[in-house]
Each structure stands twice: as C-alpha cells, then as structure tokens.
Amino acid sequence: MKQRIKVIGITGGIASGKSTIAKMLESLGASVINADEICHRLINTKSISQKIINRWGDHIQDKYGRIERHKLGKIVFANKKELSALNKMIHPEAIKRIKNRITKLRNQSTTVAIVLDAALLVESDLIDICDITLFVDTRKNTCKARVKNSRKWPTGEITKREKFQSSLREKKKIADIVICNNRYQTDTLKQVKDFWQQFITKKQFGEKHGYN
C-alpha cells in the first residue's frame, strides 16, 4: 500500500529564508507550492481586482490596469482592518487552489513530498493541512539587512508588517522542526538534508526535533 504523501509547511519571520529552504527541499525531490505567488496572481484576476479597486480606488492601478502591490501594501500594512479585508478577498480562493494542487500532486506517482511555502501559514490556518512544519530561525538583524538590500524597504517596515502576523515565538513553539539559518548556506543545507533523510526518506515521524 502506497504511503500518503506528506505536506511540509514552512514558516518563519519575514525574510528569514523560507523560500531558500523550499528550494533546497525541491532540489532533494520535493514538489513546492508557493502560496505567495498564488496570492499575487489572484490580486489581478478580474473578480478580485475589481473588489480591491472598489474598496481602495483606481489610483493603485498601473497604466495597464494592473494592481500595483507596493501601493496596496502601503494601505493594508498601515491598518489591521484593511489587511483583514484584503485577506478575506484573497484567502478563500488561494486556499482552495492550494488544496486542489495538493490533491493533484498526491495523485502523481512521481511526487515524493509536498512543500507549502506560505508567509501566513499559521494565520490562514494552512498549517492544519500540513503533516509537518519547519520553522526557519533567523536573527532579526539578518532579516532586516535582507529586506533593505533585496526589497528596498524603509527602516522599520519589517517590524511594522510583523505586527500583523503571529509572533515568531508562537510559530517556533508549534513547529516540528527548527532550521537555524544564521550561519553559512552550506550549514543550512546540511540541516535540510538531515531532515529529509530522517523524516522523508525514512518516512518516520517521531518526537519534535530542533537544530541549533
């Protein structure tokens, strides 16, 4: 009897390296579902983009009529009520698509494991469909440096946005595995390979483990 394909959820702080861990797992044979990419595409679907424009105005569109995410972000990450309104527009369809994708992957004979890379894994209750959860533990200063260089965010933006998410302490507490991403990438990859060997290749799920 074929064993049920496991879903690995990745959580952690902003710019902690969640997508990097997902790519490492993909290189080992996992199939990755990027929830953020799904949500970004949904923003510009006809039904959802119209709801966004109706609430926040057409000034957040570019010259081609597409929603400019940085303009929308400035609005919703300044007010919890507005962020909640946006999530209600997007999350139901996003979760539906994610679940459909998981079902399709589980029905494919080549699927070894499924990785769910979702910034709001805990907040959107997507954690409930995961068989095992990885928390990416990264120093705050490292995260701040990453967003400053890659996303060009102003000072304090990462702290402001994290106020709208579950605390990192809570995310770490409920995780099955903690991956320390504070050292060299080779060290992080070793931890990911150790996890893969213990929990996927051997397909054994025991007590919680952490890497420090």
N, C-alpha and C. Protein backbone atom coordinates (compact mmCIF):
# COMPACT_ATOMS: atom_id res chain seq x y z
N MET A 1 0.84 -1.21 0.00
CA MET A 1 0.00 0.00 0.00
C MET A 1 0.87 1.25 0.00
N LYS A 2 0.59 2.17 -0.92
CA LYS A 2 1.39 3.38 -1.03
C LYS A 2 1.13 4.31 0.17
N GLN A 3 2.24 4.79 0.74
CA GLN A 3 2.12 5.68 1.89
C GLN A 3 1.66 7.07 1.45
N ARG A 4 0.85 7.70 2.29
CA ARG A 4 0.32 9.03 2.00
C ARG A 4 1.46 10.04 1.89
N ILE A 5 1.44 10.83 0.81
CA ILE A 5 2.46 11.84 0.59
C ILE A 5 2.34 12.93 1.65
N LYS A 6 3.45 13.28 2.28
CA LYS A 6 3.45 14.27 3.35
C LYS A 6 3.52 15.70 2.81
N VAL A 7 2.83 16.60 3.51
CA VAL A 7 2.89 18.03 3.20
C VAL A 7 3.75 18.69 4.26
N ILE A 8 4.81 19.36 3.82
CA ILE A 8 5.74 20.06 4.72
C ILE A 8 5.47 21.55 4.64
N GLY A 9 5.03 22.13 5.73
CA GLY A 9 4.77 23.56 5.77
C GLY A 9 5.99 24.31 6.29
N ILE A 10 6.32 25.44 5.66
CA ILE A 10 7.47 26.24 6.10
C ILE A 10 6.97 27.57 6.65
N THR A 11 7.41 27.90 7.85
CA THR A 11 7.03 29.16 8.46
C THR A 11 8.26 29.84 9.06
N GLY A 12 8.10 31.10 9.44
CA GLY A 12 9.22 31.88 9.99
C GLY A 12 8.94 33.36 9.80
N GLY A 13 9.89 34.18 10.17
CA GLY A 13 9.71 35.62 10.04
C GLY A 13 9.89 36.10 8.61
N ILE A 14 9.59 37.37 8.39
CA ILE A 14 9.78 37.99 7.08
C ILE A 14 11.26 37.98 6.72
N ALA A 15 11.58 37.51 5.52
CA ALA A 15 12.96 37.45 5.01
C ALA A 15 13.85 36.53 5.82
N SER A 16 13.26 35.53 6.46
CA SER A 16 14.05 34.58 7.25
C SER A 16 14.73 33.53 6.38
N GLY A 17 14.25 33.39 5.14
CA GLY A 17 14.84 32.41 4.23
C GLY A 17 13.92 31.23 3.94
N LYS A 18 12.63 31.44 4.10
CA LYS A 18 11.66 30.35 3.88
C LYS A 18 11.73 29.81 2.44
N SER A 19 11.80 30.72 1.48
CA SER A 19 11.84 30.29 0.08
C SER A 19 13.16 29.60 -0.25
N THR A 20 14.22 30.01 0.43
CA THR A 20 15.52 29.34 0.24
C THR A 20 15.44 27.90 0.72
N ILE A 21 14.82 27.69 1.87
CA ILE A 21 14.64 26.33 2.39
C ILE A 21 13.77 25.51 1.46
N ALA A 22 12.72 26.15 0.93
CA ALA A 22 11.83 25.46 -0.01
C ALA A 22 12.59 24.99 -1.25
N LYS A 23 13.48 25.85 -1.75
CA LYS A 23 14.27 25.48 -2.94
C LYS A 23 15.23 24.35 -2.64
N MET A 24 15.78 24.34 -1.42
CA MET A 24 16.67 23.25 -1.02
C MET A 24 15.90 21.93 -1.00
N LEU A 25 14.69 21.97 -0.44
CA LEU A 25 13.86 20.77 -0.40
C LEU A 25 13.47 20.33 -1.81
N GLU A 26 13.23 21.31 -2.67
CA GLU A 26 12.90 21.00 -4.07
C GLU A 26 14.07 20.29 -4.75
N SER A 27 15.28 20.73 -4.43
CA SER A 27 16.47 20.11 -5.03
C SER A 27 16.64 18.66 -4.58
N LEU A 28 16.03 18.31 -3.44
CA LEU A 28 16.10 16.95 -2.92
C LEU A 28 14.97 16.07 -3.45
N GLY A 29 14.02 16.70 -4.15
CA GLY A 29 12.95 15.92 -4.77
C GLY A 29 11.54 16.32 -4.42
N ALA A 30 11.38 17.34 -3.56
CA ALA A 30 10.04 17.77 -3.16
C ALA A 30 9.38 18.62 -4.25
N SER A 31 8.05 18.62 -4.24
CA SER A 31 7.28 19.50 -5.12
C SER A 31 6.84 20.69 -4.29
N VAL A 32 7.12 21.91 -4.77
CA VAL A 32 6.87 23.12 -3.98
C VAL A 32 5.64 23.87 -4.46
N ILE A 33 4.81 24.27 -3.49
CA ILE A 33 3.66 25.14 -3.75
C ILE A 33 3.97 26.47 -3.07
N ASN A 34 4.06 27.53 -3.84
CA ASN A 34 4.35 28.85 -3.29
C ASN A 34 3.05 29.63 -3.13
N ALA A 35 2.59 29.74 -1.89
CA ALA A 35 1.30 30.38 -1.62
C ALA A 35 1.32 31.87 -1.97
N ASP A 36 2.46 32.52 -1.74
CA ASP A 36 2.56 33.95 -2.04
C ASP A 36 2.38 34.21 -3.54
N GLU A 37 2.96 33.34 -4.37
CA GLU A 37 2.81 33.50 -5.82
C GLU A 37 1.36 33.33 -6.23
N ILE A 38 0.68 32.39 -5.61
CA ILE A 38 -0.73 32.17 -5.90
C ILE A 38 -1.54 33.41 -5.54
N CYS A 39 -1.27 33.98 -4.36
CA CYS A 39 -1.98 35.19 -3.92
C CYS A 39 -1.68 36.37 -4.83
N HIS A 40 -0.44 36.50 -5.26
CA HIS A 40 -0.06 37.62 -6.15
C HIS A 40 -0.80 37.54 -7.48
N ARG A 41 -0.96 36.31 -7.99
CA ARG A 41 -1.70 36.14 -9.24
C ARG A 41 -3.18 36.46 -9.05
N LEU A 42 -3.72 36.07 -7.91
CA LEU A 42 -5.14 36.29 -7.65
C LEU A 42 -5.49 37.77 -7.57
N ILE A 43 -4.56 38.58 -7.10
CA ILE A 43 -4.81 40.02 -6.97
C ILE A 43 -5.27 40.62 -8.29
N ASN A 44 -4.75 40.10 -9.39
CA ASN A 44 -5.10 40.67 -10.69
C ASN A 44 -6.07 39.82 -11.51
N THR A 45 -6.76 38.88 -10.83
CA THR A 45 -7.87 38.22 -11.51
C THR A 45 -9.04 39.21 -11.51
N LYS A 46 -9.90 39.11 -12.50
CA LYS A 46 -10.94 40.11 -12.72
C LYS A 46 -11.82 40.35 -11.49
N SER A 47 -12.32 39.26 -10.89
CA SER A 47 -13.26 39.41 -9.77
C SER A 47 -12.61 40.04 -8.55
N ILE A 48 -11.38 39.62 -8.24
CA ILE A 48 -10.71 40.13 -7.04
C ILE A 48 -10.17 41.53 -7.25
N SER A 49 -9.60 41.80 -8.41
CA SER A 49 -9.05 43.14 -8.65
C SER A 49 -10.16 44.19 -8.60
N GLN A 50 -11.36 43.83 -9.04
CA GLN A 50 -12.47 44.78 -9.00
C GLN A 50 -12.87 45.06 -7.56
N LYS A 51 -12.85 44.04 -6.71
CA LYS A 51 -13.16 44.25 -5.30
C LYS A 51 -12.13 45.17 -4.65
N ILE A 52 -10.87 44.99 -5.04
CA ILE A 52 -9.79 45.81 -4.49
C ILE A 52 -9.96 47.27 -4.91
N ILE A 53 -10.28 47.48 -6.17
CA ILE A 53 -10.46 48.84 -6.69
C ILE A 53 -11.69 49.49 -6.05
N ASN A 54 -12.75 48.71 -5.88
CA ASN A 54 -13.96 49.25 -5.26
C ASN A 54 -13.71 49.75 -3.85
N ARG A 55 -12.80 49.07 -3.15
CA ARG A 55 -12.55 49.45 -1.75
C ARG A 55 -11.49 50.55 -1.63
N TRP A 56 -10.43 50.45 -2.45
CA TRP A 56 -9.30 51.37 -2.24
C TRP A 56 -9.05 52.35 -3.39
N GLY A 57 -9.82 52.25 -4.45
CA GLY A 57 -9.71 53.22 -5.53
C GLY A 57 -8.81 52.79 -6.67
N ASP A 58 -9.01 53.40 -7.85
CA ASP A 58 -8.24 53.00 -9.03
C ASP A 58 -6.85 53.61 -9.08
N HIS A 59 -6.49 54.43 -8.08
CA HIS A 59 -5.15 55.02 -8.06
C HIS A 59 -4.07 53.98 -7.75
N ILE A 60 -4.48 52.78 -7.32
CA ILE A 60 -3.50 51.74 -7.03
C ILE A 60 -3.22 50.87 -8.26
N GLN A 61 -3.79 51.25 -9.41
CA GLN A 61 -3.53 50.55 -10.66
C GLN A 61 -2.39 51.20 -11.42
N ASP A 62 -1.68 50.41 -12.21
CA ASP A 62 -0.68 50.98 -13.11
C ASP A 62 -1.35 51.37 -14.42
N LYS A 63 -0.59 51.82 -15.39
CA LYS A 63 -1.19 52.31 -16.64
C LYS A 63 -1.84 51.20 -17.47
N TYR A 64 -1.54 49.94 -17.11
CA TYR A 64 -2.14 48.81 -17.83
C TYR A 64 -3.36 48.26 -17.08
N GLY A 65 -3.70 48.89 -15.96
CA GLY A 65 -4.87 48.46 -15.20
C GLY A 65 -4.59 47.37 -14.19
N ARG A 66 -3.32 47.05 -13.98
CA ARG A 66 -2.96 46.03 -13.00
C ARG A 66 -2.72 46.66 -11.63
N ILE A 67 -3.09 45.91 -10.59
CA ILE A 67 -2.90 46.38 -9.23
C ILE A 67 -1.40 46.47 -8.92
N GLU A 68 -0.96 47.60 -8.42
CA GLU A 68 0.44 47.75 -8.02
C GLU A 68 0.55 47.33 -6.55
N ARG A 69 1.24 46.23 -6.32
CA ARG A 69 1.27 45.64 -4.99
C ARG A 69 1.91 46.55 -3.94
N HIS A 70 2.91 47.32 -4.34
CA HIS A 70 3.57 48.17 -3.35
C HIS A 70 2.63 49.28 -2.86
N LYS A 71 1.76 49.75 -3.75
CA LYS A 71 0.78 50.77 -3.35
C LYS A 71 -0.28 50.16 -2.44
N LEU A 72 -0.72 48.97 -2.80
CA LEU A 72 -1.71 48.28 -1.99
C LEU A 72 -1.12 47.94 -0.62
N GLY A 73 0.16 47.53 -0.62
CA GLY A 73 0.83 47.19 0.62
C GLY A 73 0.91 48.34 1.61
N LYS A 74 1.15 49.54 1.09
CA LYS A 74 1.23 50.72 1.96
C LYS A 74 -0.09 50.97 2.69
N ILE A 75 -1.17 50.62 2.02
CA ILE A 75 -2.51 50.82 2.62
C ILE A 75 -2.81 49.75 3.65
N VAL A 76 -2.67 48.49 3.26
CA VAL A 76 -3.12 47.41 4.15
C VAL A 76 -2.19 47.16 5.33
N PHE A 77 -0.90 47.47 5.17
CA PHE A 77 0.01 47.24 6.28
C PHE A 77 0.11 48.45 7.20
N ALA A 78 -0.82 49.37 7.03
CA ALA A 78 -0.92 50.51 7.94
C ALA A 78 -2.16 50.41 8.81
N ASN A 79 -3.01 49.42 8.49
CA ASN A 79 -4.28 49.31 9.20
C ASN A 79 -4.74 47.84 9.20
N LYS A 80 -4.88 47.28 10.40
CA LYS A 80 -5.24 45.87 10.52
C LYS A 80 -6.59 45.57 9.87
N LYS A 81 -7.52 46.51 9.96
CA LYS A 81 -8.84 46.32 9.38
C LYS A 81 -8.74 46.18 7.85
N GLU A 82 -7.88 47.00 7.25
CA GLU A 82 -7.73 46.95 5.79
C GLU A 82 -7.04 45.65 5.35
N LEU A 83 -6.05 45.21 6.12
CA LEU A 83 -5.37 43.95 5.79
C LEU A 83 -6.34 42.78 5.90
N SER A 84 -7.17 42.82 6.92
CA SER A 84 -8.17 41.77 7.10
C SER A 84 -9.14 41.74 5.93
N ALA A 85 -9.51 42.91 5.44
CA ALA A 85 -10.43 43.00 4.29
C ALA A 85 -9.80 42.38 3.05
N LEU A 86 -8.51 42.66 2.83
CA LEU A 86 -7.82 42.10 1.66
C LEU A 86 -7.71 40.59 1.78
N ASN A 87 -7.36 40.11 2.97
CA ASN A 87 -7.24 38.66 3.17
C ASN A 87 -8.55 37.93 2.92
N LYS A 88 -9.66 38.56 3.30
CA LYS A 88 -10.97 37.95 3.07
C LYS A 88 -11.29 37.86 1.59
N MET A 89 -10.75 38.79 0.81
CA MET A 89 -10.96 38.75 -0.64
C MET A 89 -10.13 37.65 -1.30
N ILE A 90 -8.93 37.42 -0.79
CA ILE A 90 -7.97 36.56 -1.48
C ILE A 90 -7.87 35.15 -0.90
N HIS A 91 -7.83 35.04 0.42
CA HIS A 91 -7.51 33.76 1.05
C HIS A 91 -8.44 32.60 0.71
N PRO A 92 -9.76 32.78 0.67
CA PRO A 92 -10.61 31.62 0.36
C PRO A 92 -10.26 30.95 -0.97
N GLU A 93 -10.06 31.77 -2.01
CA GLU A 93 -9.72 31.21 -3.33
C GLU A 93 -8.30 30.64 -3.32
N ALA A 94 -7.38 31.31 -2.62
CA ALA A 94 -5.99 30.84 -2.55
C ALA A 94 -5.93 29.47 -1.86
N ILE A 95 -6.64 29.34 -0.76
CA ILE A 95 -6.65 28.07 -0.02
C ILE A 95 -7.28 26.96 -0.87
N LYS A 96 -8.32 27.31 -1.60
CA LYS A 96 -8.97 26.34 -2.49
C LYS A 96 -7.98 25.84 -3.55
N ARG A 97 -7.23 26.77 -4.14
CA ARG A 97 -6.26 26.39 -5.18
C ARG A 97 -5.12 25.56 -4.61
N ILE A 98 -4.68 25.92 -3.40
CA ILE A 98 -3.60 25.17 -2.76
C ILE A 98 -4.04 23.74 -2.47
N LYS A 99 -5.23 23.57 -1.94
CA LYS A 99 -5.74 22.23 -1.63
C LYS A 99 -5.91 21.40 -2.90
N ASN A 100 -6.38 22.05 -3.98
CA ASN A 100 -6.53 21.34 -5.25
C ASN A 100 -5.17 20.89 -5.79
N ARG A 101 -4.18 21.76 -5.63
CA ARG A 101 -2.83 21.43 -6.10
C ARG A 101 -2.25 20.27 -5.30
N ILE A 102 -2.49 20.26 -4.00
CA ILE A 102 -2.00 19.17 -3.15
C ILE A 102 -2.64 17.85 -3.58
N THR A 103 -3.93 17.89 -3.84
CA THR A 103 -4.65 16.68 -4.27
C THR A 103 -4.07 16.13 -5.57
N LYS A 104 -3.81 17.03 -6.53
CA LYS A 104 -3.24 16.61 -7.82
C LYS A 104 -1.85 16.01 -7.65
N LEU A 105 -1.03 16.66 -6.81
CA LEU A 105 0.33 16.16 -6.59
C LEU A 105 0.32 14.80 -5.91
N ARG A 106 -0.60 14.62 -4.98
CA ARG A 106 -0.68 13.33 -4.28
C ARG A 106 -1.10 12.20 -5.21
N ASN A 107 -1.78 12.55 -6.27
CA ASN A 107 -2.23 11.55 -7.23
C ASN A 107 -1.19 11.25 -8.30
N GLN A 108 -0.08 11.97 -8.26
CA GLN A 108 1.00 11.74 -9.23
C GLN A 108 2.02 10.76 -8.64
N SER A 109 2.35 9.76 -9.40
CA SER A 109 3.25 8.71 -8.90
C SER A 109 4.67 9.22 -8.63
N THR A 110 5.04 10.34 -9.26
CA THR A 110 6.40 10.86 -9.11
C THR A 110 6.58 11.77 -7.89
N THR A 111 5.49 12.11 -7.22
CA THR A 111 5.58 13.02 -6.07
C THR A 111 6.15 12.30 -4.85
N VAL A 112 7.20 12.88 -4.28
CA VAL A 112 7.86 12.30 -3.11
C VAL A 112 7.37 12.98 -1.83
N ALA A 113 7.31 14.31 -1.86
CA ALA A 113 6.82 15.11 -0.74
C ALA A 113 6.38 16.45 -1.30
N ILE A 114 5.52 17.13 -0.56
CA ILE A 114 4.99 18.42 -0.99
C ILE A 114 5.40 19.49 0.02
N VAL A 115 5.97 20.58 -0.47
CA VAL A 115 6.37 21.69 0.39
C VAL A 115 5.41 22.85 0.18
N LEU A 116 4.87 23.37 1.28
CA LEU A 116 3.99 24.53 1.21
C LEU A 116 4.73 25.73 1.78
N ASP A 117 5.13 26.63 0.90
CA ASP A 117 5.85 27.85 1.29
C ASP A 117 4.82 28.97 1.39
N ALA A 118 4.44 29.31 2.62
CA ALA A 118 3.38 30.30 2.83
C ALA A 118 3.74 31.23 3.98
N ALA A 119 3.80 32.53 3.68
CA ALA A 119 4.15 33.51 4.71
C ALA A 119 3.16 33.48 5.86
N LEU A 120 1.88 33.28 5.55
CA LEU A 120 0.84 33.26 6.59
C LEU A 120 0.34 31.84 6.84
N LEU A 121 1.27 30.92 6.94
CA LEU A 121 0.93 29.51 7.14
C LEU A 121 0.07 29.33 8.39
N VAL A 122 0.46 29.99 9.48
CA VAL A 122 -0.26 29.88 10.74
C VAL A 122 -1.53 30.71 10.72
N GLU A 123 -1.39 31.97 10.26
CA GLU A 123 -2.51 32.92 10.32
C GLU A 123 -3.69 32.50 9.45
N SER A 124 -3.44 31.83 8.34
CA SER A 124 -4.52 31.43 7.43
C SER A 124 -5.02 30.02 7.70
N ASP A 125 -4.50 29.39 8.74
CA ASP A 125 -4.88 28.02 9.13
C ASP A 125 -4.44 26.97 8.11
N LEU A 126 -3.53 27.35 7.21
CA LEU A 126 -2.99 26.36 6.27
C LEU A 126 -2.15 25.32 6.99
N ILE A 127 -1.72 25.68 8.19
CA ILE A 127 -0.92 24.74 8.98
C ILE A 127 -1.71 23.46 9.27
N ASP A 128 -3.03 23.57 9.24
CA ASP A 128 -3.88 22.41 9.54
C ASP A 128 -3.81 21.33 8.46
N ILE A 129 -3.37 21.70 7.26
CA ILE A 129 -3.28 20.70 6.19
C ILE A 129 -1.85 20.18 6.04
N CYS A 130 -0.95 20.63 6.93
CA CYS A 130 0.44 20.18 6.88
C CYS A 130 0.64 19.00 7.81
N ASP A 131 1.47 18.05 7.37
CA ASP A 131 1.79 16.90 8.20
C ASP A 131 2.97 17.19 9.12
N ILE A 132 3.80 18.12 8.70
CA ILE A 132 4.97 18.50 9.49
C ILE A 132 5.32 19.95 9.16
N THR A 133 5.78 20.69 10.17
CA THR A 133 6.06 22.11 9.99
C THR A 133 7.51 22.44 10.32
N LEU A 134 8.15 23.19 9.42
CA LEU A 134 9.51 23.67 9.64
C LEU A 134 9.48 25.15 10.00
N PHE A 135 10.19 25.53 11.03
CA PHE A 135 10.35 26.95 11.37
C PHE A 135 11.76 27.36 11.02
N VAL A 136 11.88 28.43 10.22
CA VAL A 136 13.20 28.94 9.83
C VAL A 136 13.60 30.02 10.84
N ASP A 137 14.60 29.71 11.63
CA ASP A 137 15.05 30.59 12.72
C ASP A 137 16.22 31.45 12.24
N THR A 138 15.98 32.75 12.10
CA THR A 138 16.99 33.67 11.59
C THR A 138 17.03 34.92 12.46
N ARG A 139 18.22 35.41 12.73
CA ARG A 139 18.35 36.62 13.55
C ARG A 139 17.66 37.79 12.89
N LYS A 140 17.02 38.64 13.72
CA LYS A 140 16.27 39.78 13.22
C LYS A 140 17.15 40.73 12.39
N ASN A 141 18.38 40.96 12.84
CA ASN A 141 19.28 41.86 12.10
C ASN A 141 19.58 41.34 10.70
N THR A 142 19.68 40.03 10.59
CA THR A 142 19.92 39.41 9.27
C THR A 142 18.71 39.63 8.36
N CYS A 143 17.51 39.44 8.91
CA CYS A 143 16.28 39.65 8.14
C CYS A 143 16.16 41.10 7.69
N LYS A 144 16.47 42.02 8.59
CA LYS A 144 16.39 43.45 8.27
C LYS A 144 17.35 43.81 7.14
N ALA A 145 18.55 43.26 7.19
CA ALA A 145 19.54 43.54 6.15
C ALA A 145 19.08 43.01 4.79
N ARG A 146 18.43 41.84 4.80
CA ARG A 146 17.95 41.24 3.56
C ARG A 146 16.87 42.09 2.89
N VAL A 147 15.90 42.54 3.68
CA VAL A 147 14.81 43.32 3.08
C VAL A 147 15.30 44.70 2.63
N LYS A 148 16.30 45.23 3.32
CA LYS A 148 16.85 46.53 2.93
C LYS A 148 17.55 46.43 1.59
N ASN A 149 18.25 45.31 1.38
CA ASN A 149 19.01 45.13 0.14
C ASN A 149 18.16 44.61 -1.02
N SER A 150 17.28 43.64 -0.73
CA SER A 150 16.53 43.00 -1.82
C SER A 150 15.19 43.65 -2.12
N ARG A 151 14.50 44.11 -1.08
CA ARG A 151 13.16 44.66 -1.28
C ARG A 151 13.12 46.18 -1.18
N LYS A 152 14.23 46.76 -0.78
CA LYS A 152 14.34 48.22 -0.66
C LYS A 152 13.31 48.80 0.30
N TRP A 153 12.99 48.04 1.33
CA TRP A 153 12.04 48.52 2.32
C TRP A 153 12.68 49.57 3.22
N PRO A 154 11.93 50.55 3.67
CA PRO A 154 12.47 51.56 4.59
C PRO A 154 12.70 50.96 5.97
N THR A 155 13.53 51.60 6.77
CA THR A 155 13.80 51.14 8.12
C THR A 155 12.51 51.05 8.92
N GLY A 156 12.32 49.96 9.59
CA GLY A 156 11.13 49.78 10.42
C GLY A 156 9.98 49.07 9.72
N GLU A 157 10.08 48.87 8.40
CA GLU A 157 8.98 48.25 7.66
C GLU A 157 8.76 46.80 8.07
N ILE A 158 9.85 46.06 8.28
CA ILE A 158 9.72 44.66 8.65
C ILE A 158 9.03 44.51 10.01
N THR A 159 9.39 45.41 10.94
CA THR A 159 8.78 45.39 12.27
C THR A 159 7.30 45.72 12.18
N LYS A 160 6.96 46.69 11.34
CA LYS A 160 5.56 47.10 11.16
C LYS A 160 4.72 45.96 10.60
N ARG A 161 5.26 45.25 9.63
CA ARG A 161 4.50 44.17 9.00
C ARG A 161 4.36 42.95 9.89
N GLU A 162 5.37 42.69 10.70
CA GLU A 162 5.30 41.52 11.57
C GLU A 162 4.26 41.69 12.67
N LYS A 163 3.84 42.91 12.92
CA LYS A 163 2.80 43.16 13.92
C LYS A 163 1.47 42.55 13.47
N PHE A 164 1.35 42.32 12.15
CA PHE A 164 0.11 41.77 11.61
C PHE A 164 0.17 40.24 11.51
N GLN A 165 1.27 39.64 11.97
CA GLN A 165 1.42 38.19 11.92
C GLN A 165 1.49 37.62 13.33
N SER A 166 1.32 36.32 13.42
CA SER A 166 1.51 35.65 14.71
C SER A 166 2.95 35.84 15.16
N SER A 167 3.17 35.82 16.46
CA SER A 167 4.52 36.05 16.97
C SER A 167 5.46 34.92 16.54
N LEU A 168 6.72 35.28 16.35
CA LEU A 168 7.71 34.28 15.96
C LEU A 168 7.87 33.23 17.05
N ARG A 169 7.74 33.64 18.29
CA ARG A 169 7.84 32.70 19.40
C ARG A 169 6.77 31.63 19.31
N GLU A 170 5.55 32.04 18.96
CA GLU A 170 4.44 31.09 18.84
C GLU A 170 4.65 30.17 17.65
N LYS A 171 5.12 30.72 16.52
CA LYS A 171 5.36 29.90 15.34
C LYS A 171 6.43 28.85 15.61
N LYS A 172 7.47 29.27 16.30
CA LYS A 172 8.56 28.35 16.63
C LYS A 172 8.09 27.25 17.57
N LYS A 173 7.22 27.63 18.51
CA LYS A 173 6.73 26.70 19.51
C LYS A 173 5.92 25.58 18.89
N ILE A 174 5.12 25.90 17.88
CA ILE A 174 4.24 24.88 17.30
C ILE A 174 4.89 24.10 16.16
N ALA A 175 6.11 24.50 15.79
CA ALA A 175 6.81 23.81 14.69
C ALA A 175 7.35 22.46 15.15
N ASP A 176 7.44 21.53 14.20
CA ASP A 176 8.00 20.21 14.48
C ASP A 176 9.52 20.22 14.37
N ILE A 177 10.02 21.05 13.47
CA ILE A 177 11.46 21.13 13.22
C ILE A 177 11.88 22.60 13.17
N VAL A 178 13.03 22.92 13.74
CA VAL A 178 13.59 24.26 13.66
C VAL A 178 14.88 24.20 12.85
N ILE A 179 14.93 24.97 11.78
CA ILE A 179 16.13 25.06 10.95
C ILE A 179 16.82 26.39 11.27
N CYS A 180 18.06 26.31 11.73
CA CYS A 180 18.81 27.53 12.04
C CYS A 180 19.45 28.06 10.76
N ASN A 181 19.07 29.29 10.39
CA ASN A 181 19.55 29.87 9.14
C ASN A 181 20.42 31.10 9.41
N ASN A 182 21.26 30.99 10.44
CA ASN A 182 22.10 32.12 10.83
C ASN A 182 23.56 31.98 10.40
N ARG A 183 23.89 30.80 9.87
CA ARG A 183 25.29 30.56 9.52
C ARG A 183 25.45 30.54 8.01
N TYR A 184 26.42 29.77 7.53
CA TYR A 184 26.63 29.66 6.09
C TYR A 184 25.52 28.82 5.45
N GLN A 185 25.29 29.06 4.17
CA GLN A 185 24.24 28.32 3.47
C GLN A 185 24.52 26.83 3.45
N THR A 186 25.80 26.47 3.44
CA THR A 186 26.16 25.05 3.47
C THR A 186 25.69 24.39 4.77
N ASP A 187 25.74 25.15 5.86
CA ASP A 187 25.28 24.63 7.15
C ASP A 187 23.76 24.44 7.14
N THR A 188 23.06 25.43 6.55
CA THR A 188 21.60 25.33 6.44
C THR A 188 21.21 24.13 5.58
N LEU A 189 21.91 23.94 4.48
CA LEU A 189 21.62 22.82 3.58
C LEU A 189 21.84 21.49 4.29
N LYS A 190 22.86 21.41 5.11
CA LYS A 190 23.11 20.17 5.86
C LYS A 190 21.93 19.84 6.77
N GLN A 191 21.39 20.87 7.43
CA GLN A 191 20.24 20.65 8.31
C GLN A 191 19.03 20.17 7.51
N VAL A 192 18.84 20.77 6.33
CA VAL A 192 17.71 20.39 5.47
C VAL A 192 17.87 18.95 5.00
N LYS A 193 19.09 18.58 4.63
CA LYS A 193 19.36 17.20 4.19
C LYS A 193 19.15 16.21 5.32
N ASP A 194 19.55 16.60 6.53
CA ASP A 194 19.34 15.72 7.70
C ASP A 194 17.85 15.51 7.94
N PHE A 195 17.09 16.59 7.83
CA PHE A 195 15.63 16.49 7.98
C PHE A 195 15.05 15.57 6.93
N TRP A 196 15.47 15.76 5.68
CA TRP A 196 14.95 14.96 4.57
C TRP A 196 15.24 13.47 4.78
N GLN A 197 16.44 13.19 5.22
CA GLN A 197 16.83 11.80 5.45
C GLN A 197 16.01 11.17 6.58
N GLN A 198 15.81 11.92 7.63
CA GLN A 198 15.12 11.37 8.80
C GLN A 198 13.61 11.29 8.66
N PHE A 199 13.01 12.31 8.02
CA PHE A 199 11.56 12.39 8.01
C PHE A 199 10.90 12.04 6.67
N ILE A 200 11.64 12.13 5.59
CA ILE A 200 11.03 11.85 4.28
C ILE A 200 11.56 10.55 3.69
N THR A 201 12.87 10.44 3.59
CA THR A 201 13.44 9.22 3.02
C THR A 201 13.07 8.00 3.85
N LYS A 202 13.19 8.14 5.16
CA LYS A 202 12.84 7.03 6.05
C LYS A 202 11.35 6.99 6.36
N LYS A 203 10.68 8.17 6.11
CA LYS A 203 9.24 8.28 6.34
C LYS A 203 8.88 7.90 7.78
N GLN A 204 9.67 8.41 8.70
CA GLN A 204 9.39 8.15 10.11
C GLN A 204 9.09 9.47 10.78
N PHE A 205 7.99 9.55 11.48
CA PHE A 205 7.60 10.76 12.18
C PHE A 205 7.52 10.46 13.67
N GLY A 206 8.49 11.01 14.41
CA GLY A 206 8.54 10.77 15.83
C GLY A 206 8.38 12.05 16.62
N GLU A 207 9.15 12.21 17.68
CA GLU A 207 9.05 13.39 18.52
C GLU A 207 9.65 14.59 17.81
N LYS A 208 9.38 15.77 18.35
CA LYS A 208 9.88 17.01 17.77
C LYS A 208 11.40 17.10 17.90
N HIS A 209 12.01 17.68 16.89
CA HIS A 209 13.46 17.85 16.90
C HIS A 209 13.77 19.30 16.57
N GLY A 210 14.96 19.74 16.96
CA GLY A 210 15.37 21.10 16.62
C GLY A 210 16.85 21.09 16.28
N TYR A 211 17.26 22.04 15.48
CA TYR A 211 18.65 22.19 15.12
C TYR A 211 19.13 23.53 15.62
N ASN A 212 20.23 23.55 16.32
CA ASN A 212 20.77 24.80 16.87
C ASN A 212 22.21 24.99 16.44
